[in-house]
Amino acid sequence: MPSGSSSKRERQYEHIKESAQDRGESAGRAKEIAARTVNKERARSGESRTASRTSTEDMSSGRRGGRRSGKGAQGPTYDQLYEEAKQRGVKGRSDMNKSQLKRALGAKS
């Protein structure tokens, strides 16, 4: 974290880093994700000296994460569908694509 960061941003950084590691990201990648996310939030809220246009005009990191979590127009990701198929014991799941996994699970397209 940059010097002068608030304790709130320090906690946010640690939380994001730990969450990324829990999802299986490497330590280095988890640090990168956390730093980029916190820096974007700092720029959006006016806490940083400089901010790129994409940091201030793009969608927030929280909204972007929500869209990637399977709640968007495309539904759950391939990996999410595959894990569910694995839990349910669907045969032939490794040879299926996303739409085939949806059908096998009875998910809405």
N, C-alpha and C. Protein backbone atom coordinates (compact mmCIF):
# COMPACT_ATOMS: atom_id res chain seq x y z
N MET A 1 0.85 -1.19 0.00
CA MET A 1 0.00 0.00 0.00
C MET A 1 0.88 1.24 0.00
N PRO A 2 0.43 2.29 -0.70
CA PRO A 2 1.20 3.53 -0.70
C PRO A 2 1.21 4.17 0.69
N SER A 3 2.27 4.89 0.97
CA SER A 3 2.31 5.57 2.27
C SER A 3 1.22 6.63 2.31
N GLY A 4 0.66 6.83 3.48
CA GLY A 4 -0.41 7.81 3.62
C GLY A 4 -1.79 7.21 3.40
N SER A 5 -1.87 5.92 3.17
CA SER A 5 -3.18 5.29 2.99
C SER A 5 -3.90 5.22 4.32
N SER A 6 -5.19 5.29 4.28
CA SER A 6 -5.97 5.24 5.51
C SER A 6 -6.03 3.80 6.03
N SER A 7 -6.38 3.68 7.30
CA SER A 7 -6.49 2.34 7.88
C SER A 7 -7.62 1.55 7.21
N LYS A 8 -8.64 2.27 6.74
CA LYS A 8 -9.74 1.61 6.03
C LYS A 8 -9.21 0.93 4.76
N ARG A 9 -8.37 1.64 4.02
CA ARG A 9 -7.83 1.08 2.78
C ARG A 9 -6.86 -0.07 3.08
N GLU A 10 -6.14 0.03 4.19
CA GLU A 10 -5.25 -1.07 4.59
C GLU A 10 -6.07 -2.33 4.87
N ARG A 11 -7.18 -2.17 5.59
CA ARG A 11 -8.04 -3.32 5.89
C ARG A 11 -8.67 -3.87 4.61
N GLN A 12 -9.08 -2.97 3.72
CA GLN A 12 -9.68 -3.38 2.46
C GLN A 12 -8.66 -4.19 1.64
N TYR A 13 -7.43 -3.71 1.60
CA TYR A 13 -6.36 -4.40 0.87
C TYR A 13 -6.16 -5.81 1.41
N GLU A 14 -6.05 -5.94 2.74
CA GLU A 14 -5.84 -7.25 3.36
C GLU A 14 -7.02 -8.19 3.09
N HIS A 15 -8.22 -7.65 3.18
CA HIS A 15 -9.42 -8.47 2.94
C HIS A 15 -9.45 -8.99 1.50
N ILE A 16 -9.18 -8.12 0.56
CA ILE A 16 -9.20 -8.52 -0.85
C ILE A 16 -8.09 -9.53 -1.13
N LYS A 17 -6.91 -9.29 -0.57
CA LYS A 17 -5.78 -10.20 -0.76
C LYS A 17 -6.10 -11.59 -0.21
N GLU A 18 -6.65 -11.64 0.99
CA GLU A 18 -7.00 -12.92 1.60
C GLU A 18 -8.09 -13.64 0.81
N SER A 19 -9.07 -12.89 0.32
CA SER A 19 -10.15 -13.49 -0.47
C SER A 19 -9.61 -14.09 -1.76
N ALA A 20 -8.68 -13.38 -2.40
CA ALA A 20 -8.08 -13.89 -3.64
C ALA A 20 -7.29 -15.16 -3.37
N GLN A 21 -6.56 -15.19 -2.26
CA GLN A 21 -5.80 -16.39 -1.92
C GLN A 21 -6.73 -17.55 -1.59
N ASP A 22 -7.86 -17.27 -0.94
CA ASP A 22 -8.85 -18.31 -0.65
C ASP A 22 -9.42 -18.91 -1.93
N ARG A 23 -9.51 -18.09 -2.99
CA ARG A 23 -10.02 -18.57 -4.28
C ARG A 23 -8.96 -19.35 -5.05
N GLY A 24 -7.72 -19.38 -4.53
CA GLY A 24 -6.67 -20.16 -5.18
C GLY A 24 -5.66 -19.35 -5.95
N GLU A 25 -5.70 -18.03 -5.87
CA GLU A 25 -4.72 -17.19 -6.56
C GLU A 25 -3.38 -17.31 -5.83
N SER A 26 -2.29 -17.14 -6.55
CA SER A 26 -0.97 -17.15 -5.92
C SER A 26 -0.84 -15.90 -5.06
N ALA A 27 0.14 -15.91 -4.16
CA ALA A 27 0.34 -14.76 -3.27
C ALA A 27 0.62 -13.48 -4.06
N GLY A 28 1.46 -13.59 -5.09
CA GLY A 28 1.77 -12.42 -5.91
C GLY A 28 0.57 -11.88 -6.65
N ARG A 29 -0.21 -12.78 -7.23
CA ARG A 29 -1.41 -12.37 -7.97
C ARG A 29 -2.44 -11.77 -7.01
N ALA A 30 -2.56 -12.34 -5.81
CA ALA A 30 -3.50 -11.82 -4.82
C ALA A 30 -3.12 -10.39 -4.42
N LYS A 31 -1.82 -10.15 -4.24
CA LYS A 31 -1.37 -8.80 -3.90
C LYS A 31 -1.68 -7.81 -5.03
N GLU A 32 -1.47 -8.27 -6.27
CA GLU A 32 -1.73 -7.40 -7.42
C GLU A 32 -3.21 -7.05 -7.52
N ILE A 33 -4.07 -8.04 -7.36
CA ILE A 33 -5.52 -7.81 -7.42
C ILE A 33 -5.93 -6.82 -6.34
N ALA A 34 -5.42 -7.04 -5.12
CA ALA A 34 -5.78 -6.17 -4.00
C ALA A 34 -5.30 -4.74 -4.23
N ALA A 35 -4.06 -4.60 -4.68
CA ALA A 35 -3.51 -3.26 -4.90
C ALA A 35 -4.28 -2.53 -6.00
N ARG A 36 -4.56 -3.20 -7.09
CA ARG A 36 -5.29 -2.55 -8.18
C ARG A 36 -6.69 -2.14 -7.75
N THR A 37 -7.36 -3.01 -7.00
CA THR A 37 -8.71 -2.72 -6.55
C THR A 37 -8.73 -1.53 -5.60
N VAL A 38 -7.84 -1.55 -4.62
CA VAL A 38 -7.79 -0.45 -3.65
C VAL A 38 -7.39 0.85 -4.32
N ASN A 39 -6.41 0.81 -5.21
CA ASN A 39 -6.00 2.02 -5.92
C ASN A 39 -7.14 2.60 -6.74
N LYS A 40 -7.93 1.74 -7.37
CA LYS A 40 -9.06 2.22 -8.15
C LYS A 40 -10.09 2.88 -7.25
N GLU A 41 -10.36 2.25 -6.11
CA GLU A 41 -11.33 2.83 -5.16
C GLU A 41 -10.83 4.16 -4.61
N ARG A 42 -9.53 4.25 -4.34
CA ARG A 42 -8.95 5.52 -3.87
C ARG A 42 -9.12 6.60 -4.93
N ALA A 43 -8.88 6.26 -6.19
CA ALA A 43 -9.02 7.23 -7.27
C ALA A 43 -10.47 7.66 -7.43
N ARG A 44 -11.39 6.71 -7.35
CA ARG A 44 -12.82 7.02 -7.51
C ARG A 44 -13.33 7.94 -6.41
N SER A 45 -12.76 7.81 -5.21
CA SER A 45 -13.24 8.62 -4.09
C SER A 45 -12.41 9.89 -3.89
N GLY A 46 -11.45 10.14 -4.77
CA GLY A 46 -10.67 11.37 -4.70
C GLY A 46 -9.55 11.33 -3.68
N GLU A 47 -9.14 10.16 -3.25
CA GLU A 47 -8.08 10.04 -2.23
C GLU A 47 -6.68 10.02 -2.83
N SER A 48 -6.55 9.89 -4.14
CA SER A 48 -5.22 9.84 -4.74
C SER A 48 -4.93 11.16 -5.47
N ARG A 49 -3.65 11.46 -5.63
CA ARG A 49 -3.26 12.72 -6.29
C ARG A 49 -3.63 12.70 -7.76
N THR A 50 -3.40 11.57 -8.42
CA THR A 50 -3.72 11.44 -9.83
C THR A 50 -4.63 10.24 -10.03
N ALA A 51 -5.42 10.28 -11.08
CA ALA A 51 -6.32 9.17 -11.38
C ALA A 51 -6.50 9.08 -12.88
N SER A 52 -6.45 7.85 -13.40
CA SER A 52 -6.68 7.67 -14.83
C SER A 52 -8.17 7.82 -15.12
N ARG A 53 -8.47 8.11 -16.35
CA ARG A 53 -9.87 8.28 -16.74
C ARG A 53 -10.65 6.99 -16.54
N THR A 54 -10.01 5.84 -16.81
CA THR A 54 -10.73 4.58 -16.64
C THR A 54 -11.02 4.30 -15.17
N SER A 55 -10.15 4.76 -14.28
CA SER A 55 -10.40 4.55 -12.85
C SER A 55 -11.63 5.32 -12.39
N THR A 56 -11.82 6.50 -12.92
CA THR A 56 -12.92 7.34 -12.44
C THR A 56 -14.21 7.17 -13.24
N GLU A 57 -14.10 6.76 -14.50
CA GLU A 57 -15.30 6.68 -15.34
C GLU A 57 -15.81 5.27 -15.56
N ASP A 58 -14.98 4.28 -15.35
CA ASP A 58 -15.36 2.89 -15.52
C ASP A 58 -16.25 2.46 -14.36
N MET A 59 -16.88 1.30 -14.48
CA MET A 59 -17.72 0.81 -13.38
C MET A 59 -16.86 0.49 -12.17
N SER A 60 -17.46 0.55 -11.00
CA SER A 60 -16.72 0.31 -9.77
C SER A 60 -16.27 -1.15 -9.71
N SER A 61 -15.23 -1.40 -8.93
CA SER A 61 -14.72 -2.75 -8.81
C SER A 61 -15.74 -3.67 -8.15
N GLY A 62 -16.52 -3.14 -7.23
CA GLY A 62 -17.57 -3.94 -6.59
C GLY A 62 -18.63 -4.39 -7.57
N ARG A 63 -19.02 -3.48 -8.45
CA ARG A 63 -20.02 -3.83 -9.45
C ARG A 63 -19.46 -4.83 -10.46
N ARG A 64 -18.21 -4.61 -10.84
CA ARG A 64 -17.57 -5.52 -11.80
C ARG A 64 -17.49 -6.93 -11.21
N GLY A 65 -17.10 -7.03 -9.94
CA GLY A 65 -17.03 -8.32 -9.28
C GLY A 65 -18.37 -9.01 -9.22
N GLY A 66 -19.41 -8.24 -8.96
CA GLY A 66 -20.76 -8.80 -8.93
C GLY A 66 -21.18 -9.36 -10.28
N ARG A 67 -20.79 -8.68 -11.33
CA ARG A 67 -21.15 -9.15 -12.68
C ARG A 67 -20.40 -10.43 -13.02
N ARG A 68 -19.21 -10.59 -12.45
CA ARG A 68 -18.42 -11.79 -12.75
C ARG A 68 -18.79 -12.98 -11.89
N SER A 69 -19.62 -12.77 -10.89
CA SER A 69 -19.91 -13.85 -9.95
C SER A 69 -21.06 -14.73 -10.39
N GLY A 70 -21.49 -14.62 -11.62
CA GLY A 70 -22.56 -15.48 -12.10
C GLY A 70 -23.93 -14.83 -12.07
N LYS A 71 -23.97 -13.55 -11.76
CA LYS A 71 -25.25 -12.85 -11.67
C LYS A 71 -25.55 -12.06 -12.95
N GLY A 72 -24.61 -12.04 -13.89
CA GLY A 72 -24.77 -11.25 -15.10
C GLY A 72 -25.67 -11.91 -16.12
N ALA A 73 -25.73 -11.33 -17.29
CA ALA A 73 -26.61 -11.79 -18.35
C ALA A 73 -26.24 -13.20 -18.83
N GLN A 74 -24.97 -13.56 -18.73
CA GLN A 74 -24.54 -14.87 -19.21
C GLN A 74 -24.66 -15.95 -18.15
N GLY A 75 -25.05 -15.59 -16.95
CA GLY A 75 -25.22 -16.58 -15.90
C GLY A 75 -23.91 -17.04 -15.33
N PRO A 76 -23.90 -18.21 -14.70
CA PRO A 76 -22.69 -18.71 -14.06
C PRO A 76 -21.59 -19.00 -15.08
N THR A 77 -20.36 -18.94 -14.62
CA THR A 77 -19.22 -19.21 -15.51
C THR A 77 -19.11 -20.71 -15.78
N TYR A 78 -18.29 -21.06 -16.74
CA TYR A 78 -18.03 -22.46 -17.06
C TYR A 78 -17.50 -23.18 -15.82
N ASP A 79 -16.55 -22.54 -15.14
CA ASP A 79 -15.95 -23.17 -13.95
C ASP A 79 -16.98 -23.42 -12.86
N GLN A 80 -17.90 -22.46 -12.67
CA GLN A 80 -18.94 -22.64 -11.67
C GLN A 80 -19.86 -23.80 -12.05
N LEU A 81 -20.23 -23.88 -13.32
CA LEU A 81 -21.08 -24.97 -13.80
C LEU A 81 -20.36 -26.31 -13.66
N TYR A 82 -19.07 -26.33 -14.01
CA TYR A 82 -18.30 -27.56 -13.93
C TYR A 82 -18.23 -28.07 -12.49
N GLU A 83 -17.99 -27.15 -11.55
CA GLU A 83 -17.91 -27.55 -10.14
C GLU A 83 -19.24 -28.11 -9.64
N GLU A 84 -20.34 -27.49 -10.08
CA GLU A 84 -21.65 -28.00 -9.68
C GLU A 84 -21.89 -29.39 -10.28
N ALA A 85 -21.50 -29.56 -11.55
CA ALA A 85 -21.65 -30.86 -12.20
C ALA A 85 -20.81 -31.92 -11.49
N LYS A 86 -19.63 -31.52 -11.05
CA LYS A 86 -18.74 -32.43 -10.32
C LYS A 86 -19.39 -32.85 -9.00
N GLN A 87 -19.99 -31.88 -8.30
CA GLN A 87 -20.65 -32.19 -7.03
C GLN A 87 -21.85 -33.11 -7.22
N ARG A 88 -22.56 -32.92 -8.34
CA ARG A 88 -23.74 -33.74 -8.61
C ARG A 88 -23.40 -35.07 -9.27
N GLY A 89 -22.14 -35.25 -9.65
CA GLY A 89 -21.71 -36.51 -10.26
C GLY A 89 -22.16 -36.68 -11.70
N VAL A 90 -22.22 -35.60 -12.47
CA VAL A 90 -22.62 -35.67 -13.88
C VAL A 90 -21.54 -36.37 -14.68
N LYS A 91 -21.91 -37.42 -15.39
CA LYS A 91 -20.97 -38.20 -16.20
C LYS A 91 -20.62 -37.44 -17.48
N GLY A 92 -19.37 -37.50 -17.90
CA GLY A 92 -18.93 -36.88 -19.15
C GLY A 92 -18.75 -35.38 -19.06
N ARG A 93 -18.73 -34.83 -17.86
CA ARG A 93 -18.65 -33.37 -17.69
C ARG A 93 -17.37 -32.77 -18.26
N SER A 94 -16.28 -33.52 -18.25
CA SER A 94 -15.00 -32.97 -18.72
C SER A 94 -15.01 -32.73 -20.23
N ASP A 95 -15.89 -33.40 -20.95
CA ASP A 95 -15.97 -33.21 -22.40
C ASP A 95 -17.03 -32.18 -22.80
N MET A 96 -17.75 -31.63 -21.83
CA MET A 96 -18.86 -30.71 -22.13
C MET A 96 -18.40 -29.26 -22.19
N ASN A 97 -19.07 -28.49 -23.05
CA ASN A 97 -18.85 -27.05 -23.06
C ASN A 97 -19.88 -26.39 -22.13
N LYS A 98 -19.87 -25.08 -22.07
CA LYS A 98 -20.72 -24.36 -21.11
C LYS A 98 -22.21 -24.64 -21.33
N SER A 99 -22.67 -24.58 -22.57
CA SER A 99 -24.10 -24.80 -22.82
C SER A 99 -24.51 -26.24 -22.52
N GLN A 100 -23.62 -27.19 -22.79
CA GLN A 100 -23.92 -28.59 -22.47
C GLN A 100 -24.00 -28.81 -20.96
N LEU A 101 -23.10 -28.14 -20.21
CA LEU A 101 -23.15 -28.24 -18.75
C LEU A 101 -24.46 -27.64 -18.23
N LYS A 102 -24.87 -26.51 -18.81
CA LYS A 102 -26.15 -25.90 -18.38
C LYS A 102 -27.30 -26.87 -18.58
N ARG A 103 -27.34 -27.51 -19.77
CA ARG A 103 -28.40 -28.46 -20.06
C ARG A 103 -28.38 -29.66 -19.11
N ALA A 104 -27.18 -30.18 -18.87
CA ALA A 104 -27.03 -31.35 -18.00
C ALA A 104 -27.47 -31.04 -16.57
N LEU A 105 -27.28 -29.80 -16.17
CA LEU A 105 -27.67 -29.40 -14.81
C LEU A 105 -29.10 -28.90 -14.73
N GLY A 106 -29.71 -28.73 -15.88
CA GLY A 106 -31.09 -28.22 -15.90
C GLY A 106 -31.15 -26.74 -15.60
N ALA A 107 -30.03 -26.03 -15.83
CA ALA A 107 -29.98 -24.59 -15.57
C ALA A 107 -30.65 -23.83 -16.69
N LYS A 108 -31.12 -22.64 -16.36
CA LYS A 108 -31.73 -21.78 -17.38
C LYS A 108 -30.64 -21.22 -18.27
N SER A 109 -30.89 -21.16 -19.57
CA SER A 109 -29.89 -20.66 -20.51
C SER A 109 -29.83 -19.18 -20.51
